[in-house]
């Protein structure tokens, strides 16, 4: 979770630096979009947005070396929290959880059209 859009840009810069070639996708959702998804599509958002200026950022990685990739992700999380680029986060523990998180993003256009 980023407290504002300036922090989103900082997080993206950190992700490019720390994840490099394993970063395969980045998506940004504002609080209003997630509230619409929750209300209109009846999906659960597994994190709280602090204020109306907050953004949720989804990142997908696709590396081929599990331990090395995990180390890169851990470094990004630590740096993001230390610099204030992010105030909180959720790390999917398996494919099912990753799909649930990405489902939120995929339902934004659906919720917006209702």
C-alpha atoms as a PDB file:
ATOM      1  CA  UNK A   1       0.000   0.000   0.000  1.00  0.00           C
ATOM      2  CA  UNK A   2       1.368   3.400  -1.006  1.00  0.00           C
ATOM      3  CA  UNK A   3       0.198   6.475   0.919  1.00  0.00           C
ATOM      4  CA  UNK A   4      -0.027   8.657  -2.230  1.00  0.00           C
ATOM      5  CA  UNK A   5       0.812   8.701  -5.931  1.00  0.00           C
ATOM      6  CA  UNK A   6       4.290  10.133  -5.354  1.00  0.00           C
ATOM      7  CA  UNK A   7       5.015   7.034  -3.269  1.00  0.00           C
ATOM      8  CA  UNK A   8       3.707   4.833  -6.114  1.00  0.00           C
ATOM      9  CA  UNK A   9       6.321   6.364  -8.417  1.00  0.00           C
ATOM     10  CA  UNK A  10       9.028   5.813  -5.790  1.00  0.00           C
ATOM     11  CA  UNK A  11       7.943   2.190  -5.336  1.00  0.00           C
ATOM     12  CA  UNK A  12       8.026   1.620  -9.093  1.00  0.00           C
ATOM     13  CA  UNK A  13      11.540   3.040  -9.279  1.00  0.00           C
ATOM     14  CA  UNK A  14      12.647   0.820  -6.393  1.00  0.00           C
ATOM     15  CA  UNK A  15      11.029  -2.221  -8.048  1.00  0.00           C
ATOM     16  CA  UNK A  16      12.900  -1.627 -11.303  1.00  0.00           C
ATOM     17  CA  UNK A  17      16.153  -1.267  -9.346  1.00  0.00           C
ATOM     18  CA  UNK A  18      15.716  -4.220  -6.984  1.00  0.00           C
ATOM     19  CA  UNK A  19      13.779  -6.667  -9.154  1.00  0.00           C
ATOM     20  CA  UNK A  20      15.220  -5.851 -12.568  1.00  0.00           C
ATOM     21  CA  UNK A  21      14.622  -8.614 -15.062  1.00  0.00           C
ATOM     22  CA  UNK A  22      12.224 -10.604 -12.856  1.00  0.00           C
ATOM     23  CA  UNK A  23       9.623  -7.791 -12.718  1.00  0.00           C
ATOM     24  CA  UNK A  24       6.978  -8.786 -15.256  1.00  0.00           C
ATOM     25  CA  UNK A  25       3.910  -6.668 -14.389  1.00  0.00           C
ATOM     26  CA  UNK A  26       2.882  -3.671 -12.293  1.00  0.00           C
ATOM     27  CA  UNK A  27      -0.709  -2.481 -11.756  1.00  0.00           C
ATOM     28  CA  UNK A  28      -1.988   0.398  -9.629  1.00  0.00           C
ATOM     29  CA  UNK A  29      -5.458   0.690  -8.083  1.00  0.00           C
ATOM     30  CA  UNK A  30      -6.873   3.576  -6.111  1.00  0.00           C
ATOM     31  CA  UNK A  31      -9.062   3.249  -3.051  1.00  0.00           C
ATOM     32  CA  UNK A  32     -12.275   4.098  -4.919  1.00  0.00           C
ATOM     33  CA  UNK A  33     -11.678   1.323  -7.464  1.00  0.00           C
ATOM     34  CA  UNK A  34     -11.116  -1.266  -4.764  1.00  0.00           C
ATOM     35  CA  UNK A  35     -14.189  -0.153  -2.850  1.00  0.00           C
ATOM     36  CA  UNK A  36     -16.259  -0.554  -6.040  1.00  0.00           C
ATOM     37  CA  UNK A  37     -14.845  -4.049  -6.599  1.00  0.00           C
ATOM     38  CA  UNK A  38     -15.688  -4.995  -3.034  1.00  0.00           C
ATOM     39  CA  UNK A  39     -19.224  -3.620  -3.228  1.00  0.00           C
ATOM     40  CA  UNK A  40     -20.244  -4.403  -6.816  1.00  0.00           C
ATOM     41  CA  UNK A  41     -18.448  -7.738  -7.283  1.00  0.00           C
ATOM     42  CA  UNK A  42     -18.671  -8.949  -3.686  1.00  0.00           C
ATOM     43  CA  UNK A  43     -14.934  -9.646  -3.469  1.00  0.00           C
ATOM     44  CA  UNK A  44     -12.887  -9.352  -0.298  1.00  0.00           C
ATOM     45  CA  UNK A  45      -9.968  -6.920  -0.292  1.00  0.00           C
ATOM     46  CA  UNK A  46      -7.353  -8.485   2.043  1.00  0.00           C
ATOM     47  CA  UNK A  47      -5.770  -5.175   3.076  1.00  0.00           C
ATOM     48  CA  UNK A  48      -6.831  -1.741   4.300  1.00  0.00           C
ATOM     49  CA  UNK A  49      -6.262   1.538   2.517  1.00  0.00           C
ATOM     50  CA  UNK A  50      -5.299   4.252   4.990  1.00  0.00           C
ATOM     51  CA  UNK A  51      -6.873   7.238   3.269  1.00  0.00           C
ATOM     52  CA  UNK A  52      -8.447   8.492   0.044  1.00  0.00           C
ATOM     53  CA  UNK A  53      -4.986   9.215  -1.391  1.00  0.00           C
ATOM     54  CA  UNK A  54      -3.762   5.629  -0.900  1.00  0.00           C
ATOM     55  CA  UNK A  55      -3.005   3.249  -3.755  1.00  0.00           C
ATOM     56  CA  UNK A  56      -2.592  -0.501  -3.945  1.00  0.00           C
ATOM     57  CA  UNK A  57       0.197  -1.676  -6.222  1.00  0.00           C
ATOM     58  CA  UNK A  58       0.262  -5.210  -7.593  1.00  0.00           C
ATOM     59  CA  UNK A  59       3.560  -6.594  -8.843  1.00  0.00           C
ATOM     60  CA  UNK A  60       4.189  -9.856 -10.590  1.00  0.00           C
ATOM     61  CA  UNK A  61       7.591 -11.457 -10.886  1.00  0.00           C
ATOM     62  CA  UNK A  62       8.769 -14.238 -13.110  1.00  0.00           C
ATOM     63  CA  UNK A  63      12.287 -15.299 -12.271  1.00  0.00           C
ATOM     64  CA  UNK A  64      13.846 -18.698 -12.739  1.00  0.00           C
ATOM     65  CA  UNK A  65      15.939 -18.926  -9.563  1.00  0.00           C
ATOM     66  CA  UNK A  66      13.692 -19.248  -6.512  1.00  0.00           C
ATOM     67  CA  UNK A  67      16.164 -18.334  -3.763  1.00  0.00           C
ATOM     68  CA  UNK A  68      17.698 -15.444  -5.692  1.00  0.00           C
ATOM     69  CA  UNK A  69      14.268 -14.105  -6.682  1.00  0.00           C
ATOM     70  CA  UNK A  70      13.018 -14.363  -3.097  1.00  0.00           C
ATOM     71  CA  UNK A  71      16.043 -12.400  -1.893  1.00  0.00           C
ATOM     72  CA  UNK A  72      15.319  -9.663  -4.442  1.00  0.00           C
ATOM     73  CA  UNK A  73      11.678  -9.434  -3.332  1.00  0.00           C
ATOM     74  CA  UNK A  74      12.670  -9.303   0.348  1.00  0.00           C
ATOM     75  CA  UNK A  75      15.144  -6.495  -0.371  1.00  0.00           C
ATOM     76  CA  UNK A  76      12.471  -4.543  -2.252  1.00  0.00           C
ATOM     77  CA  UNK A  77       9.974  -4.908   0.599  1.00  0.00           C
ATOM     78  CA  UNK A  78      12.507  -3.767   3.193  1.00  0.00           C
ATOM     79  CA  UNK A  79      13.639  -0.776   1.134  1.00  0.00           C
ATOM     80  CA  UNK A  80      10.039   0.208   0.307  1.00  0.00           C
ATOM     81  CA  UNK A  81       8.998   0.202   3.947  1.00  0.00           C
ATOM     82  CA  UNK A  82      12.207   1.953   5.088  1.00  0.00           C
ATOM     83  CA  UNK A  83      11.817   4.801   2.574  1.00  0.00           C
ATOM     84  CA  UNK A  84       8.055   5.244   3.056  1.00  0.00           C
ATOM     85  CA  UNK A  85       7.308   4.241  -0.538  1.00  0.00           C
ATOM     86  CA  UNK A  86       4.999   1.625   0.970  1.00  0.00           C
ATOM     87  CA  UNK A  87       3.313   1.520   4.342  1.00  0.00           C
ATOM     88  CA  UNK A  88       2.055  -2.061   4.205  1.00  0.00           C
ATOM     89  CA  UNK A  89       1.975  -5.030   1.890  1.00  0.00           C
ATOM     90  CA  UNK A  90       0.693  -8.499   1.138  1.00  0.00           C
ATOM     91  CA  UNK A  91       2.931 -11.161  -0.355  1.00  0.00           C
ATOM     92  CA  UNK A  92       1.106 -14.062  -1.979  1.00  0.00           C
ATOM     93  CA  UNK A  93       2.221 -17.349  -0.453  1.00  0.00           C
ATOM     94  CA  UNK A  94       1.060 -19.487  -3.367  1.00  0.00           C
ATOM     95  CA  UNK A  95      -0.524 -19.355  -6.827  1.00  0.00           C
ATOM     96  CA  UNK A  96      -4.057 -19.344  -5.377  1.00  0.00           C
ATOM     97  CA  UNK A  97      -3.392 -16.226  -3.322  1.00  0.00           C
ATOM     98  CA  UNK A  98      -1.692 -14.530  -6.280  1.00  0.00           C
ATOM     99  CA  UNK A  99      -4.748 -15.228  -8.451  1.00  0.00           C
ATOM    100  CA  UNK A 100      -7.045 -13.809  -5.763  1.00  0.00           C
ATOM    101  CA  UNK A 101      -5.020 -10.585  -5.631  1.00  0.00           C
ATOM    102  CA  UNK A 102      -4.931 -10.215  -9.415  1.00  0.00           C
ATOM    103  CA  UNK A 103      -8.659 -10.939  -9.522  1.00  0.00           C
ATOM    104  CA  UNK A 104      -9.209  -7.642  -7.695  1.00  0.00           C
ATOM    105  CA  UNK A 105      -7.473  -5.782 -10.508  1.00  0.00           C
ATOM    106  CA  UNK A 106      -9.296  -7.733 -13.213  1.00  0.00           C
ATOM    107  CA  UNK A 107     -12.664  -6.817 -11.661  1.00  0.00           C
ATOM    108  CA  UNK A 108     -12.052  -3.039 -11.649  1.00  0.00           C
ATOM    109  CA  UNK A 109     -13.520  -2.550 -15.169  1.00  0.00           C
ATOM    110  CA  UNK A 110     -16.438  -4.854 -14.325  1.00  0.00           C
ATOM    111  CA  UNK A 111     -17.240  -2.939 -11.138  1.00  0.00           C
ATOM    112  CA  UNK A 112     -16.886   0.407 -12.930  1.00  0.00           C
ATOM    113  CA  UNK A 113     -19.466  -0.583 -15.539  1.00  0.00           C
ATOM    114  CA  UNK A 114     -22.182  -1.529 -13.027  1.00  0.00           C
END
